[in-house]
C-alpha atoms as a PDB file:
ATOM      1  CA  MET A   1      -1.992 -14.711  20.469  1.00  0.00           C
ATOM      2  CA  THR A   2      -0.015 -15.841  17.438  1.00  0.00           C
ATOM      3  CA  SER A   3       3.719 -16.438  17.377  1.00  0.00           C
ATOM      4  CA  ALA A   4       6.154 -16.441  14.471  1.00  0.00           C
ATOM      5  CA  ASN A   5       9.928 -16.685  14.260  1.00  0.00           C
ATOM      6  CA  GLY A   6      10.114 -16.526  18.065  1.00  0.00           C
ATOM      7  CA  TYR A   7       8.042 -13.334  18.338  1.00  0.00           C
ATOM      8  CA  ASN A   8       4.695 -13.023  20.084  1.00  0.00           C
ATOM      9  CA  ILE A   9       2.321 -11.449  17.584  1.00  0.00           C
ATOM     10  CA  GLU A  10      -0.477  -9.579  19.292  1.00  0.00           C
ATOM     11  CA  ARG A  11      -2.372  -6.310  19.363  1.00  0.00           C
ATOM     12  CA  SER A  12      -0.105  -3.334  20.139  1.00  0.00           C
ATOM     13  CA  ALA A  13       3.002  -5.564  20.042  1.00  0.00           C
ATOM     14  CA  GLN A  14       6.423  -3.867  20.016  1.00  0.00           C
ATOM     15  CA  LEU A  15       8.271  -5.506  17.111  1.00  0.00           C
ATOM     16  CA  VAL A  16      10.738  -2.823  16.003  1.00  0.00           C
ATOM     17  CA  ASN A  17      13.259  -4.273  13.517  1.00  0.00           C
ATOM     18  CA  ALA A  18      11.769  -7.773  13.935  1.00  0.00           C
ATOM     19  CA  ALA A  19      12.928 -10.448  11.462  1.00  0.00           C
ATOM     20  CA  LEU A  20       9.643 -11.886  10.171  1.00  0.00           C
ATOM     21  CA  SER A  21      10.512 -12.560   6.532  1.00  0.00           C
ATOM     22  CA  GLY A  22       8.236 -15.261   5.129  1.00  0.00           C
ATOM     23  CA  ALA A  23       6.190 -15.491   8.349  1.00  0.00           C
ATOM     24  CA  ASP A  24       2.576 -16.695   8.119  1.00  0.00           C
ATOM     25  CA  LEU A  25       0.500 -14.086   9.941  1.00  0.00           C
ATOM     26  CA  SER A  26      -2.706 -14.476   7.970  1.00  0.00           C
ATOM     27  CA  ALA A  27      -6.319 -13.975   9.067  1.00  0.00           C
ATOM     28  CA  ASP A  28      -5.941 -14.603  12.810  1.00  0.00           C
ATOM     29  CA  ALA A  29      -3.166 -12.032  13.253  1.00  0.00           C
ATOM     30  CA  ASP A  30      -4.358  -8.996  15.187  1.00  0.00           C
ATOM     31  CA  LEU A  31      -1.600  -6.426  14.892  1.00  0.00           C
ATOM     32  CA  GLY A  32      -3.792  -3.386  15.375  1.00  0.00           C
ATOM     33  CA  GLY A  33      -1.668  -0.602  16.848  1.00  0.00           C
ATOM     34  CA  ALA A  34       1.487  -2.741  16.703  1.00  0.00           C
ATOM     35  CA  ILE A  35       4.865  -1.064  16.251  1.00  0.00           C
ATOM     36  CA  LEU A  36       6.678  -2.855  13.442  1.00  0.00           C
ATOM     37  CA  SER A  37       8.883   0.006  12.248  1.00  0.00           C
ATOM     38  CA  GLY A  38      11.978  -1.230  10.441  1.00  0.00           C
ATOM     39  CA  ALA A  39      10.797  -4.848  10.541  1.00  0.00           C
ATOM     40  CA  ASN A  40      11.498  -7.292   7.730  1.00  0.00           C
ATOM     41  CA  LEU A  41       8.177  -8.762   6.592  1.00  0.00           C
ATOM     42  CA  SER A  42       9.265  -9.499   3.026  1.00  0.00           C
ATOM     43  CA  GLU A  43       7.281 -12.354   1.482  1.00  0.00           C
ATOM     44  CA  ALA A  44       5.203 -12.603   4.708  1.00  0.00           C
ATOM     45  CA  ASN A  45       1.620 -13.815   4.537  1.00  0.00           C
ATOM     46  CA  LEU A  46      -0.583 -11.137   6.112  1.00  0.00           C
ATOM     47  CA  CYS A  47      -3.734 -12.020   4.185  1.00  0.00           C
ATOM     48  CA  ALA A  48      -6.764 -10.498   5.957  1.00  0.00           C
ATOM     49  CA  ALA A  49      -4.591  -9.430   8.923  1.00  0.00           C
ATOM     50  CA  ASN A  50      -5.690  -6.566  11.165  1.00  0.00           C
ATOM     51  CA  LEU A  51      -3.051  -3.823  10.960  1.00  0.00           C
ATOM     52  CA  VAL A  52      -5.286  -0.869  11.869  1.00  0.00           C
ATOM     53  CA  ALA A  53      -3.156   2.078  13.046  1.00  0.00           C
ATOM     54  CA  ALA A  54      -0.014  -0.080  12.982  1.00  0.00           C
ATOM     55  CA  ASP A  55       3.378   1.642  12.690  1.00  0.00           C
ATOM     56  CA  LEU A  56       4.995   0.042   9.645  1.00  0.00           C
ATOM     57  CA  SER A  57       7.289   2.959   8.834  1.00  0.00           C
ATOM     58  CA  GLY A  58      10.485   1.846   7.133  1.00  0.00           C
ATOM     59  CA  THR A  59       9.255  -1.751   7.092  1.00  0.00           C
ATOM     60  CA  ASN A  60      10.212  -4.151   4.303  1.00  0.00           C
ATOM     61  CA  LEU A  61       6.964  -5.637   2.980  1.00  0.00           C
ATOM     62  CA  SER A  62       8.294  -6.455  -0.495  1.00  0.00           C
ATOM     63  CA  GLY A  63       6.406  -9.353  -2.040  1.00  0.00           C
ATOM     64  CA  ALA A  64       4.178  -9.649   1.041  1.00  0.00           C
ATOM     65  CA  ASN A  65       0.643 -11.025   0.759  1.00  0.00           C
ATOM     66  CA  LEU A  66      -1.632  -8.334   2.181  1.00  0.00           C
ATOM     67  CA  ILE A  67      -4.764  -9.351   0.284  1.00  0.00           C
ATOM     68  CA  ALA A  68      -7.857  -8.061   2.129  1.00  0.00           C
ATOM     69  CA  ALA A  69      -5.688  -6.797   5.019  1.00  0.00           C
ATOM     70  CA  ASN A  70      -7.017  -3.896   7.080  1.00  0.00           C
ATOM     71  CA  LEU A  71      -4.394  -1.132   7.123  1.00  0.00           C
ATOM     72  CA  THR A  72      -6.730   1.745   7.972  1.00  0.00           C
ATOM     73  CA  PHE A  73      -4.742   4.639   9.505  1.00  0.00           C
ATOM     74  CA  ALA A  74      -1.506   2.593   9.225  1.00  0.00           C
ATOM     75  CA  ASP A  75       1.806   4.475   9.030  1.00  0.00           C
ATOM     76  CA  LEU A  76       3.740   3.126   6.042  1.00  0.00           C
ATOM     77  CA  ARG A  77       6.128   6.043   5.543  1.00  0.00           C
ATOM     78  CA  ASN A  78       9.289   4.981   3.704  1.00  0.00           C
ATOM     79  CA  ALA A  79       8.035   1.382   3.611  1.00  0.00           C
ATOM     80  CA  ASN A  80       9.120  -1.010   0.857  1.00  0.00           C
ATOM     81  CA  LEU A  81       5.999  -2.557  -0.687  1.00  0.00           C
ATOM     82  CA  ASN A  82       7.575  -3.409  -4.038  1.00  0.00           C
ATOM     83  CA  GLY A  83       5.700  -6.332  -5.593  1.00  0.00           C
ATOM     84  CA  ALA A  84       3.338  -6.571  -2.604  1.00  0.00           C
ATOM     85  CA  HIS A  85      -0.156  -8.030  -3.082  1.00  0.00           C
ATOM     86  CA  LEU A  86      -2.740  -5.591  -1.673  1.00  0.00           C
ATOM     87  CA  LEU A  87      -5.830  -6.621  -3.632  1.00  0.00           C
ATOM     88  CA  PHE A  88      -9.028  -5.659  -1.789  1.00  0.00           C
ATOM     89  CA  ALA A  89      -6.941  -4.257   1.095  1.00  0.00           C
ATOM     90  CA  ASN A  90      -8.287  -1.358   3.151  1.00  0.00           C
ATOM     91  CA  LEU A  91      -5.793   1.508   3.381  1.00  0.00           C
ATOM     92  CA  MET A  92      -8.221   4.322   4.198  1.00  0.00           C
ATOM     93  CA  HIS A  93      -6.296   7.269   5.656  1.00  0.00           C
ATOM     94  CA  ALA A  94      -3.030   5.300   5.543  1.00  0.00           C
ATOM     95  CA  ILE A  95       0.211   7.286   5.352  1.00  0.00           C
ATOM     96  CA  LEU A  96       2.424   6.100   2.482  1.00  0.00           C
ATOM     97  CA  VAL A  97       4.654   9.167   2.100  1.00  0.00           C
ATOM     98  CA  ASP A  98       7.898   8.236   0.278  1.00  0.00           C
ATOM     99  CA  ALA A  99       6.810   4.580   0.150  1.00  0.00           C
ATOM    100  CA  GLU A 100       8.037   2.249  -2.606  1.00  0.00           C
ATOM    101  CA  LEU A 101       5.171   0.397  -4.317  1.00  0.00           C
ATOM    102  CA  VAL A 102       6.834  -0.552  -7.615  1.00  0.00           C
ATOM    103  CA  ASN A 103       4.780  -3.256  -9.361  1.00  0.00           C
ATOM    104  CA  ALA A 104       2.521  -3.595  -6.303  1.00  0.00           C
ATOM    105  CA  ASN A 105      -0.979  -4.953  -6.896  1.00  0.00           C
ATOM    106  CA  LEU A 106      -3.539  -2.621  -5.310  1.00  0.00           C
ATOM    107  CA  SER A 107      -6.459  -3.582  -7.524  1.00  0.00           C
ATOM    108  CA  ASN A 108      -9.853  -2.988  -5.926  1.00  0.00           C
ATOM    109  CA  ALA A 109      -8.166  -1.632  -2.787  1.00  0.00           C
ATOM    110  CA  ASN A 110      -9.815   1.054  -0.652  1.00  0.00           C
ATOM    111  CA  LEU A 111      -7.295   3.917  -0.726  1.00  0.00           C
ATOM    112  CA  THR A 112      -9.729   6.669   0.257  1.00  0.00           C
ATOM    113  CA  ALA A 113      -7.895   9.691   1.703  1.00  0.00           C
ATOM    114  CA  ALA A 114      -4.586   7.794   1.758  1.00  0.00           C
ATOM    115  CA  ASN A 115      -1.438   9.926   1.560  1.00  0.00           C
ATOM    116  CA  PHE A 116       0.840   8.790  -1.294  1.00  0.00           C
ATOM    117  CA  SER A 117       2.841  12.028  -1.389  1.00  0.00           C
ATOM    118  CA  ASP A 118       6.145  11.406  -3.212  1.00  0.00           C
ATOM    119  CA  ALA A 119       5.457   7.644  -3.298  1.00  0.00           C
ATOM    120  CA  ASN A 120       6.757   5.479  -6.129  1.00  0.00           C
ATOM    121  CA  LEU A 121       3.814   3.602  -7.678  1.00  0.00           C
ATOM    122  CA  SER A 122       5.484   2.927 -11.015  1.00  0.00           C
ATOM    123  CA  GLY A 123       4.082  -0.179 -12.656  1.00  0.00           C
ATOM    124  CA  ALA A 124       1.497  -0.579  -9.869  1.00  0.00           C
ATOM    125  CA  ASP A 125      -1.913  -2.095 -10.611  1.00  0.00           C
ATOM    126  CA  LEU A 126      -4.511   0.318  -9.228  1.00  0.00           C
ATOM    127  CA  SER A 127      -7.364  -0.937 -11.397  1.00  0.00           C
ATOM    128  CA  GLY A 128     -10.717  -0.572  -9.685  1.00  0.00           C
ATOM    129  CA  ALA A 129      -9.101   1.057  -6.632  1.00  0.00           C
ATOM    130  CA  ASP A 130     -10.882   3.803  -4.707  1.00  0.00           C
ATOM    131  CA  LEU A 131      -8.442   6.718  -4.583  1.00  0.00           C
ATOM    132  CA  SER A 132     -11.094   9.323  -3.778  1.00  0.00           C
ATOM    133  CA  SER A 133      -9.640  12.228  -1.777  1.00  0.00           C
ATOM    134  CA  ALA A 134      -6.183  10.587  -1.865  1.00  0.00           C
ATOM    135  CA  ASN A 135      -3.045  12.747  -1.803  1.00  0.00           C
ATOM    136  CA  LEU A 136      -0.875  11.811  -4.795  1.00  0.00           C
ATOM    137  CA  VAL A 137       1.236  14.982  -4.852  1.00  0.00           C
ATOM    138  CA  LEU A 138       4.595  14.251  -6.544  1.00  0.00           C
ATOM    139  CA  ALA A 139       3.763  10.521  -6.782  1.00  0.00           C
ATOM    140  CA  ASN A 140       5.336   8.485  -9.568  1.00  0.00           C
ATOM    141  CA  LEU A 141       2.589   6.721 -11.539  1.00  0.00           C
ATOM    142  CA  ALA A 142       4.672   5.896 -14.627  1.00  0.00           C
ATOM    143  CA  GLY A 143       3.436   2.651 -16.140  1.00  0.00           C
ATOM    144  CA  ALA A 144       0.680   2.287 -13.529  1.00  0.00           C
ATOM    145  CA  ASN A 145      -2.742   0.852 -14.394  1.00  0.00           C
ATOM    146  CA  LEU A 146      -5.624   3.052 -13.219  1.00  0.00           C
ATOM    147  CA  VAL A 147      -8.426   1.497 -15.293  1.00  0.00           C
ATOM    148  CA  GLY A 148     -11.705   1.894 -13.430  1.00  0.00           C
ATOM    149  CA  ALA A 149     -10.069   3.673 -10.483  1.00  0.00           C
ATOM    150  CA  ASN A 150     -12.055   6.324  -8.606  1.00  0.00           C
ATOM    151  CA  LEU A 151      -9.994   9.522  -8.432  1.00  0.00           C
ATOM    152  CA  VAL A 152     -12.746  11.964  -7.428  1.00  0.00           C
ATOM    153  CA  GLY A 153     -11.241  14.623  -5.188  1.00  0.00           C
ATOM    154  CA  ALA A 154      -7.731  13.156  -5.419  1.00  0.00           C
ATOM    155  CA  ASP A 155      -4.857  15.663  -5.406  1.00  0.00           C
ATOM    156  CA  LEU A 156      -2.814  14.901  -8.527  1.00  0.00           C
ATOM    157  CA  THR A 157      -0.497  17.917  -8.303  1.00  0.00           C
ATOM    158  CA  ASP A 158       2.833  17.278 -10.055  1.00  0.00           C
ATOM    159  CA  VAL A 159       2.184  13.549 -10.498  1.00  0.00           C
ATOM    160  CA  ARG A 160       4.748  11.879 -12.754  1.00  0.00           C
ATOM    161  CA  TRP A 161       2.868  10.085 -15.553  1.00  0.00           C
ATOM    162  CA  GLY A 162       4.376   8.259 -18.531  1.00  0.00           C
ATOM    163  CA  THR A 163       2.699   5.317 -20.243  1.00  0.00           C
ATOM    164  CA  THR A 164       0.162   5.333 -17.405  1.00  0.00           C
ATOM    165  CA  THR A 165      -3.121   3.640 -18.270  1.00  0.00           C
ATOM    166  CA  CYS A 166      -5.734   6.154 -17.157  1.00  0.00           C
ATOM    167  CA  ALA A 167      -9.049   5.446 -15.423  1.00  0.00           C
ATOM    168  CA  ASP A 168     -10.894   5.665 -18.761  1.00  0.00           C
ATOM    169  CA  GLY A 169      -8.483   3.209 -20.401  1.00  0.00           C
ATOM    170  CA  THR A 170      -6.534   5.779 -22.412  1.00  0.00           C
ATOM    171  CA  ASN A 171      -2.778   6.121 -22.206  1.00  0.00           C
ATOM    172  CA  SER A 172      -1.407   9.223 -20.482  1.00  0.00           C
ATOM    173  CA  ASP A 173       0.985   9.696 -23.399  1.00  0.00           C
ATOM    174  CA  SER A 174      -1.849   9.730 -25.952  1.00  0.00           C
ATOM    175  CA  ASN A 175      -3.221  13.119 -25.054  1.00  0.00           C
ATOM    176  CA  GLY A 176      -0.600  14.601 -22.769  1.00  0.00           C
ATOM    177  CA  GLN A 177      -2.933  14.901 -19.850  1.00  0.00           C
ATOM    178  CA  PHE A 178      -4.901  12.791 -17.464  1.00  0.00           C
ATOM    179  CA  ASP A 179      -8.667  12.527 -17.821  1.00  0.00           C
ATOM    180  CA  LEU A 180     -10.775  11.779 -14.732  1.00  0.00           C
END
């Protein structure tokens, strides 16, 4: 068991509204199934942490280090991930409805079948990310970088583009449409 800021950090922990800003919960942290809804994890180090099926709804993860973290099936509805570092993270089947991911780095992340419905990904780096079968309905991808991203089977209905760098390297404004 790990502890941080006076909290016991363990699998299935109940940490609703916990104040863990800047906490170091890297690699050895096993928060699978933990309930962290409404917690403040801004600038926290969660590098390679296990957050499988964790409830992170409404959590502040702005600027957090989530490089190579496992967030498979995690609930990140209404979460603040602005400026978060999610390189090589696994977010398969994660729920990110209405999440804020402005300027987040999701390069080479596994986002297969993730739900980004109405999420704000403006300025996000999604280069090399696997977005196959992802739900991006009504997502804001203005200024996002999608170079080399896999979008096969992704639902792009009513996505908001605008100076988006497409998977093939073209700019969304160059041809008025997105090319897979």
